[in-house]
């Protein structure tokens, strides 16, 4: 990996961390490109990620590489 994810992986390996990964579950390969996401869709996909993490865990931490462009109807922006 490159960018911020690559930096995280490099430092984690230097500290001897064991890394596990999951894919964005069921998302199109191109991801969600524009517009607002419904709360139902957001809860569906985050729920699937949480279930996969629970199945692979336990973990000491989770790194999410979020680019910040998603907005969810019904959830206030920070």
PDB file of N, CA and C in Angstrom:
ATOM      1  N   UNK A   1       0.816  -1.206   0.000  1.00  0.00           N
ATOM      2  CA  UNK A   1       0.000   0.000   0.000  1.00  0.00           C
ATOM      3  C   UNK A   1       0.856   1.266   0.000  1.00  0.00           C
ATOM      4  N   UNK A   2       0.278   2.321  -0.494  1.00  0.00           N
ATOM      5  CA  UNK A   2       0.967   3.610  -0.518  1.00  0.00           C
ATOM      6  C   UNK A   2       0.171   4.618   0.300  1.00  0.00           C
ATOM      7  N   UNK A   3       0.642   5.850   0.349  1.00  0.00           N
ATOM      8  CA  UNK A   3      -0.079   6.910   1.043  1.00  0.00           C
ATOM      9  C   UNK A   3      -0.183   6.656   2.529  1.00  0.00           C
ATOM     10  N   UNK A   4      -1.281   7.153   3.125  1.00  0.00           N
ATOM     11  CA  UNK A   4      -1.437   7.008   4.573  1.00  0.00           C
ATOM     12  C   UNK A   4      -1.544   5.549   4.995  1.00  0.00           C
ATOM     13  N   UNK A   5      -2.198   4.724   4.192  1.00  0.00           N
ATOM     14  CA  UNK A   5      -2.301   3.296   4.509  1.00  0.00           C
ATOM     15  C   UNK A   5      -0.922   2.645   4.478  1.00  0.00           C
ATOM     16  N   UNK A   6      -0.106   3.000   3.492  1.00  0.00           N
ATOM     17  CA  UNK A   6       1.241   2.453   3.405  1.00  0.00           C
ATOM     18  C   UNK A   6       2.083   2.831   4.609  1.00  0.00           C
ATOM     19  N   UNK A   7       1.947   4.069   5.062  1.00  0.00           N
ATOM     20  CA  UNK A   7       2.670   4.506   6.251  1.00  0.00           C
ATOM     21  C   UNK A   7       2.235   3.745   7.486  1.00  0.00           C
ATOM     22  N   UNK A   8       0.941   3.526   7.612  1.00  0.00           N
ATOM     23  CA  UNK A   8       0.426   2.760   8.750  1.00  0.00           C
ATOM     24  C   UNK A   8       0.967   1.338   8.736  1.00  0.00           C
ATOM     25  N   UNK A   9       0.907   0.684   7.570  1.00  0.00           N
ATOM     26  CA  UNK A   9       1.385  -0.702   7.452  1.00  0.00           C
ATOM     27  C   UNK A   9       2.873  -0.777   7.778  1.00  0.00           C
ATOM     28  N   UNK A  10       3.659   0.157   7.257  1.00  0.00           N
ATOM     29  CA  UNK A  10       5.109   0.156   7.494  1.00  0.00           C
ATOM     30  C   UNK A  10       5.426   0.252   8.984  1.00  0.00           C
ATOM     31  N   UNK A  11       4.826   1.214   9.662  1.00  0.00           N
ATOM     32  CA  UNK A  11       5.112   1.409  11.083  1.00  0.00           C
ATOM     33  C   UNK A  11       4.566   0.250  11.911  1.00  0.00           C
ATOM     34  N   UNK A  12       3.386  -0.243  11.576  1.00  0.00           N
ATOM     35  CA  UNK A  12       2.820  -1.377  12.313  1.00  0.00           C
ATOM     36  C   UNK A  12       3.738  -2.588  12.217  1.00  0.00           C
ATOM     37  N   UNK A  13       4.272  -2.844  11.028  1.00  0.00           N
ATOM     38  CA  UNK A  13       5.197  -3.976  10.859  1.00  0.00           C
ATOM     39  C   UNK A  13       6.490  -3.755  11.633  1.00  0.00           C
ATOM     40  N   UNK A  14       6.982  -2.512  11.665  1.00  0.00           N
ATOM     41  CA  UNK A  14       8.198  -2.208  12.429  1.00  0.00           C
ATOM     42  C   UNK A  14       8.006  -2.515  13.915  1.00  0.00           C
ATOM     43  N   UNK A  15       6.785  -2.355  14.402  1.00  0.00           N
ATOM     44  CA  UNK A  15       6.477  -2.633  15.806  1.00  0.00           C
ATOM     45  C   UNK A  15       6.022  -4.075  16.030  1.00  0.00           C
ATOM     46  N   UNK A  16       6.041  -4.885  14.975  1.00  0.00           N
ATOM     47  CA  UNK A  16       5.689  -6.293  15.104  1.00  0.00           C
ATOM     48  C   UNK A  16       4.203  -6.571  15.197  1.00  0.00           C
ATOM     49  N   UNK A  17       3.381  -5.627  14.782  1.00  0.00           N
ATOM     50  CA  UNK A  17       1.936  -5.832  14.836  1.00  0.00           C
ATOM     51  C   UNK A  17       1.505  -6.873  13.809  1.00  0.00           C
ATOM     52  N   UNK A  18       0.519  -7.653  14.167  1.00  0.00           N
ATOM     53  CA  UNK A  18      -0.092  -8.607  13.245  1.00  0.00           C
ATOM     54  C   UNK A  18      -1.278  -7.887  12.611  1.00  0.00           C
ATOM     55  N   UNK A  19      -1.303  -7.819  11.280  1.00  0.00           N
ATOM     56  CA  UNK A  19      -2.346  -7.089  10.571  1.00  0.00           C
ATOM     57  C   UNK A  19      -3.322  -8.047   9.905  1.00  0.00           C
ATOM     58  N   UNK A  20      -4.585  -7.696   9.938  1.00  0.00           N
ATOM     59  CA  UNK A  20      -5.636  -8.438   9.242  1.00  0.00           C
ATOM     60  C   UNK A  20      -6.432  -7.419   8.450  1.00  0.00           C
ATOM     61  N   UNK A  21      -6.976  -7.816   7.332  1.00  0.00           N
ATOM     62  CA  UNK A  21      -7.727  -6.870   6.518  1.00  0.00           C
ATOM     63  C   UNK A  21      -9.066  -7.412   6.095  1.00  0.00           C
ATOM     64  N   UNK A  22      -9.990  -6.495   5.833  1.00  0.00           N
ATOM     65  CA  UNK A  22     -11.265  -6.860   5.241  1.00  0.00           C
ATOM     66  C   UNK A  22     -11.506  -5.942   4.053  1.00  0.00           C
ATOM     67  N   UNK A  23     -12.289  -6.410   3.125  1.00  0.00           N
ATOM     68  CA  UNK A  23     -12.697  -5.601   1.976  1.00  0.00           C
ATOM     69  C   UNK A  23     -13.972  -4.855   2.351  1.00  0.00           C
ATOM     70  N   UNK A  24     -14.286  -3.806   1.625  1.00  0.00           N
ATOM     71  CA  UNK A  24     -15.588  -3.172   1.801  1.00  0.00           C
ATOM     72  C   UNK A  24     -16.633  -4.184   1.357  1.00  0.00           C
ATOM     73  N   UNK A  25     -17.462  -4.677   2.268  1.00  0.00           N
ATOM     74  CA  UNK A  25     -18.350  -5.791   1.949  1.00  0.00           C
ATOM     75  C   UNK A  25     -19.456  -5.429   0.967  1.00  0.00           C
ATOM     76  N   UNK A  26     -19.476  -6.113  -0.156  1.00  0.00           N
ATOM     77  CA  UNK A  26     -20.558  -5.965  -1.108  1.00  0.00           C
ATOM     78  C   UNK A  26     -20.612  -4.645  -1.836  1.00  0.00           C
ATOM     79  N   UNK A  27     -19.609  -3.828  -1.703  1.00  0.00           N
ATOM     80  CA  UNK A  27     -19.612  -2.534  -2.370  1.00  0.00           C
ATOM     81  C   UNK A  27     -19.166  -2.712  -3.813  1.00  0.00           C
ATOM     82  N   UNK A  28     -19.667  -1.880  -4.704  1.00  0.00           N
ATOM     83  CA  UNK A  28     -19.156  -1.930  -6.069  1.00  0.00           C
ATOM     84  C   UNK A  28     -17.661  -1.652  -6.067  1.00  0.00           C
ATOM     85  N   UNK A  29     -16.942  -2.205  -7.022  1.00  0.00           N
ATOM     86  CA  UNK A  29     -15.490  -2.004  -7.066  1.00  0.00           C
ATOM     87  C   UNK A  29     -15.125  -0.533  -7.151  1.00  0.00           C
ATOM     88  N   UNK A  30     -15.997   0.262  -7.712  1.00  0.00           N
ATOM     89  CA  UNK A  30     -15.711   1.692  -7.827  1.00  0.00           C
ATOM     90  C   UNK A  30     -16.122   2.451  -6.581  1.00  0.00           C
ATOM     91  N   UNK A  31     -16.806   1.799  -5.646  1.00  0.00           N
ATOM     92  CA  UNK A  31     -17.258   2.466  -4.432  1.00  0.00           C
ATOM     93  C   UNK A  31     -18.464   3.342  -4.711  1.00  0.00           C
ATOM     94  N   UNK A  32     -18.821   4.120  -3.720  1.00  0.00           N
ATOM     95  CA  UNK A  32     -19.930   5.054  -3.877  1.00  0.00           C
ATOM     96  C   UNK A  32     -19.317   6.384  -4.275  1.00  0.00           C
ATOM     97  N   UNK A  33     -19.638   6.857  -5.474  1.00  0.00           N
ATOM     98  CA  UNK A  33     -18.934   7.999  -6.019  1.00  0.00           C
ATOM     99  C   UNK A  33     -19.503   9.367  -5.718  1.00  0.00           C
ATOM    100  N   UNK A  34     -20.800   9.460  -5.479  1.00  0.00           N
ATOM    101  CA  UNK A  34     -21.346  10.796  -5.297  1.00  0.00           C
ATOM    102  C   UNK A  34     -22.699  10.721  -4.612  1.00  0.00           C
ATOM    103  N   UNK A  35     -23.155  11.870  -4.171  1.00  0.00           N
ATOM    104  CA  UNK A  35     -24.476  11.961  -3.583  1.00  0.00           C
ATOM    105  C   UNK A  35     -24.533  11.482  -2.147  1.00  0.00           C
ATOM    106  N   UNK A  36     -25.689  11.620  -1.595  1.00  0.00           N
ATOM    107  CA  UNK A  36     -25.940  11.214  -0.219  1.00  0.00           C
ATOM    108  C   UNK A  36     -26.222   9.726  -0.157  1.00  0.00           C
ATOM    109  N   UNK A  37     -25.817   9.097   0.935  1.00  0.00           N
ATOM    110  CA  UNK A  37     -26.075   7.684   1.185  1.00  0.00           C
ATOM    111  C   UNK A  37     -27.247   7.620   2.158  1.00  0.00           C
ATOM    112  N   UNK A  38     -28.172   6.682   1.934  1.00  0.00           N
ATOM    113  CA  UNK A  38     -29.275   6.541   2.875  1.00  0.00           C
ATOM    114  C   UNK A  38     -28.769   5.959   4.186  1.00  0.00           C
ATOM    115  N   UNK A  39     -29.473   6.255   5.252  1.00  0.00           N
ATOM    116  CA  UNK A  39     -29.087   5.712   6.554  1.00  0.00           C
ATOM    117  C   UNK A  39     -29.169   4.189   6.540  1.00  0.00           C
ATOM    118  N   UNK A  40     -30.185   3.620   5.858  1.00  0.00           N
ATOM    119  CA  UNK A  40     -30.302   2.159   5.767  1.00  0.00           C
ATOM    120  C   UNK A  40     -29.077   1.547   5.094  1.00  0.00           C
ATOM    121  N   UNK A  41     -28.609   2.153   3.996  1.00  0.00           N
ATOM    122  CA  UNK A  41     -27.427   1.629   3.299  1.00  0.00           C
ATOM    123  C   UNK A  41     -26.191   1.738   4.186  1.00  0.00           C
ATOM    124  N   UNK A  42     -26.035   2.869   4.852  1.00  0.00           N
ATOM    125  CA  UNK A  42     -24.898   3.067   5.760  1.00  0.00           C
ATOM    126  C   UNK A  42     -24.900   2.005   6.859  1.00  0.00           C
ATOM    127  N   UNK A  43     -26.040   1.806   7.495  1.00  0.00           N
ATOM    128  CA  UNK A  43     -26.130   0.826   8.580  1.00  0.00           C
ATOM    129  C   UNK A  43     -25.915  -0.600   8.071  1.00  0.00           C
ATOM    130  N   UNK A  44     -26.380  -0.886   6.860  1.00  0.00           N
ATOM    131  CA  UNK A  44     -26.173  -2.212   6.271  1.00  0.00           C
ATOM    132  C   UNK A  44     -24.679  -2.500   6.104  1.00  0.00           C
ATOM    133  N   UNK A  45     -23.959  -1.594   5.464  1.00  0.00           N
ATOM    134  CA  UNK A  45     -22.548  -1.843   5.172  1.00  0.00           C
ATOM    135  C   UNK A  45     -21.665  -1.760   6.415  1.00  0.00           C
ATOM    136  N   UNK A  46     -21.937  -0.815   7.314  1.00  0.00           N
ATOM    137  CA  UNK A  46     -21.142  -0.781   8.542  1.00  0.00           C
ATOM    138  C   UNK A  46     -21.425  -2.013   9.391  1.00  0.00           C
ATOM    139  N   UNK A  47     -22.674  -2.473   9.391  1.00  0.00           N
ATOM    140  CA  UNK A  47     -23.009  -3.700  10.120  1.00  0.00           C
ATOM    141  C   UNK A  47     -22.260  -4.906   9.589  1.00  0.00           C
ATOM    142  N   UNK A  48     -22.153  -5.006   8.265  1.00  0.00           N
ATOM    143  CA  UNK A  48     -21.408  -6.127   7.672  1.00  0.00           C
ATOM    144  C   UNK A  48     -19.928  -6.051   8.016  1.00  0.00           C
ATOM    145  N   UNK A  49     -19.356  -4.849   8.015  1.00  0.00           N
ATOM    146  CA  UNK A  49     -17.945  -4.717   8.390  1.00  0.00           C
ATOM    147  C   UNK A  49     -17.733  -5.105   9.852  1.00  0.00           C
ATOM    148  N   UNK A  50     -18.627  -4.668  10.721  1.00  0.00           N
ATOM    149  CA  UNK A  50     -18.500  -5.003  12.143  1.00  0.00           C
ATOM    150  C   UNK A  50     -18.600  -6.510  12.349  1.00  0.00           C
ATOM    151  N   UNK A  51     -19.525  -7.167  11.668  1.00  0.00           N
ATOM    152  CA  UNK A  51     -19.657  -8.622  11.801  1.00  0.00           C
ATOM    153  C   UNK A  51     -18.393  -9.337  11.329  1.00  0.00           C
ATOM    154  N   UNK A  52     -17.806  -8.890  10.215  1.00  0.00           N
ATOM    155  CA  UNK A  52     -16.578  -9.524   9.729  1.00  0.00           C
ATOM    156  C   UNK A  52     -15.422  -9.293  10.700  1.00  0.00           C
ATOM    157  N   UNK A  53     -15.343  -8.097  11.264  1.00  0.00           N
ATOM    158  CA  UNK A  53     -14.299  -7.826  12.253  1.00  0.00           C
ATOM    159  C   UNK A  53     -14.483  -8.705  13.490  1.00  0.00           C
ATOM    160  N   UNK A  54     -15.722  -8.858  13.949  1.00  0.00           N
ATOM    161  CA  UNK A  54     -15.988  -9.729  15.101  1.00  0.00           C
ATOM    162  C   UNK A  54     -15.581 -11.164  14.804  1.00  0.00           C
ATOM    163  N   UNK A  55     -15.839 -11.616  13.577  1.00  0.00           N
ATOM    164  CA  UNK A  55     -15.497 -12.990  13.195  1.00  0.00           C
ATOM    165  C   UNK A  55     -13.988 -13.211  13.162  1.00  0.00           C
ATOM    166  N   UNK A  56     -13.214 -12.182  12.807  1.00  0.00           N
ATOM    167  CA  UNK A  56     -11.763 -12.312  12.718  1.00  0.00           C
ATOM    168  C   UNK A  56     -11.052 -11.950  14.019  1.00  0.00           C
ATOM    169  N   UNK A  57     -11.713 -11.224  14.914  1.00  0.00           N
ATOM    170  CA  UNK A  57     -11.089 -10.683  16.115  1.00  0.00           C
ATOM    171  C   UNK A  57     -10.863 -11.716  17.189  1.00  0.00           C
ATOM    172  N   UNK A  58     -10.474 -11.278  18.371  1.00  0.00           N
ATOM    173  CA  UNK A  58     -10.457  -9.888  18.817  1.00  0.00           C
ATOM    174  C   UNK A  58      -9.229  -9.131  18.315  1.00  0.00           C
ATOM    175  N   UNK A  59      -9.334  -7.822  18.312  1.00  0.00           N
ATOM    176  CA  UNK A  59      -8.256  -6.945  17.877  1.00  0.00           C
ATOM    177  C   UNK A  59      -7.923  -5.950  18.975  1.00  0.00           C
ATOM    178  N   UNK A  60      -6.702  -5.468  18.960  1.00  0.00           N
ATOM    179  CA  UNK A  60      -6.308  -4.388  19.863  1.00  0.00           C
ATOM    180  C   UNK A  60      -6.706  -3.033  19.298  1.00  0.00           C
ATOM    181  N   UNK A  61      -6.902  -2.956  17.990  1.00  0.00           N
ATOM    182  CA  UNK A  61      -7.282  -1.705  17.356  1.00  0.00           C
ATOM    183  C   UNK A  61      -7.748  -1.948  15.940  1.00  0.00           C
ATOM    184  N   UNK A  62      -8.388  -0.950  15.366  1.00  0.00           N
ATOM    185  CA  UNK A  62      -8.876  -1.019  13.985  1.00  0.00           C
ATOM    186  C   UNK A  62      -8.490   0.281  13.295  1.00  0.00           C
ATOM    187  N   UNK A  63      -7.905   0.172  12.103  1.00  0.00           N
ATOM    188  CA  UNK A  63      -7.541   1.338  11.299  1.00  0.00           C
ATOM    189  C   UNK A  63      -8.516   1.409  10.133  1.00  0.00           C
ATOM    190  N   UNK A  64      -9.223   2.514  10.013  1.00  0.00           N
ATOM    191  CA  UNK A  64     -10.146   2.720   8.905  1.00  0.00           C
ATOM    192  C   UNK A  64      -9.565   3.780   7.985  1.00  0.00           C
ATOM    193  N   UNK A  65      -9.372   3.442   6.720  1.00  0.00           N
ATOM    194  CA  UNK A  65      -8.860   4.403   5.735  1.00  0.00           C
ATOM    195  C   UNK A  65     -10.063   5.077   5.068  1.00  0.00           C
ATOM    196  N   UNK A  66     -10.547   6.120   5.688  1.00  0.00           N
ATOM    197  CA  UNK A  66     -11.729   6.831   5.198  1.00  0.00           C
ATOM    198  C   UNK A  66     -11.303   8.114   4.503  1.00  0.00           C
ATOM    199  N   UNK A  67     -11.877   8.371   3.333  1.00  0.00           N
ATOM    200  CA  UNK A  67     -11.479   9.581   2.612  1.00  0.00           C
ATOM    201  C   UNK A  67     -12.358  10.774   2.939  1.00  0.00           C
ATOM    202  N   UNK A  68     -13.467  10.578   3.628  1.00  0.00           N
ATOM    203  CA  UNK A  68     -14.249  11.694   4.124  1.00  0.00           C
ATOM    204  C   UNK A  68     -15.257  12.314   3.188  1.00  0.00           C
ATOM    205  N   UNK A  69     -15.517  11.721   2.035  1.00  0.00           N
ATOM    206  CA  UNK A  69     -16.441  12.333   1.094  1.00  0.00           C
ATOM    207  C   UNK A  69     -17.879  11.858   1.257  1.00  0.00           C
ATOM    208  N   UNK A  70     -18.129  10.861   2.096  1.00  0.00           N
ATOM    209  CA  UNK A  70     -19.475  10.317   2.211  1.00  0.00           C
ATOM    210  C   UNK A  70     -20.319  11.151   3.171  1.00  0.00           C
ATOM    211  N   UNK A  71     -21.573  11.335   2.820  1.00  0.00           N
ATOM    212  CA  UNK A  71     -22.541  11.981   3.698  1.00  0.00           C
ATOM    213  C   UNK A  71     -23.745  11.055   3.808  1.00  0.00           C
ATOM    214  N   UNK A  72     -24.278  10.921   5.017  1.00  0.00           N
ATOM    215  CA  UNK A  72     -25.382   9.995   5.268  1.00  0.00           C
ATOM    216  C   UNK A  72     -26.617  10.785   5.672  1.00  0.00           C
ATOM    217  N   UNK A  73     -27.717  10.549   4.966  1.00  0.00           N
ATOM    218  CA  UNK A  73     -28.977  11.200   5.325  1.00  0.00           C
ATOM    219  C   UNK A  73     -29.396  10.745   6.719  1.00  0.00           C
ATOM    220  N   UNK A  74     -29.696  11.701   7.587  1.00  0.00           N
ATOM    221  CA  UNK A  74     -30.147  11.375   8.931  1.00  0.00           C
ATOM    222  C   UNK A  74     -29.043  11.334   9.968  1.00  0.00           C
ATOM    223  N   UNK A  75     -27.788  11.503   9.555  1.00  0.00           N
ATOM    224  CA  UNK A  75     -26.674  11.563  10.500  1.00  0.00           C
ATOM    225  C   UNK A  75     -25.976  12.904  10.283  1.00  0.00           C
ATOM    226  N   UNK A  76     -25.940  13.703  11.340  1.00  0.00           N
ATOM    227  CA  UNK A  76     -25.355  15.045  11.230  1.00  0.00           C
ATOM    228  C   UNK A  76     -23.867  14.966  10.915  1.00  0.00           C
ATOM    229  N   UNK A  77     -23.409  15.888  10.101  1.00  0.00           N
ATOM    230  CA  UNK A  77     -21.972  15.975   9.811  1.00  0.00           C
ATOM    231  C   UNK A  77     -21.260  16.593  11.002  1.00  0.00           C
ATOM    232  N   UNK A  78     -20.041  16.125  11.286  1.00  0.00           N
ATOM    233  CA  UNK A  78     -19.301  16.712  12.421  1.00  0.00           C
ATOM    234  C   UNK A  78     -18.850  18.130  12.125  1.00  0.00           C
TER     235      UNK A  78
END
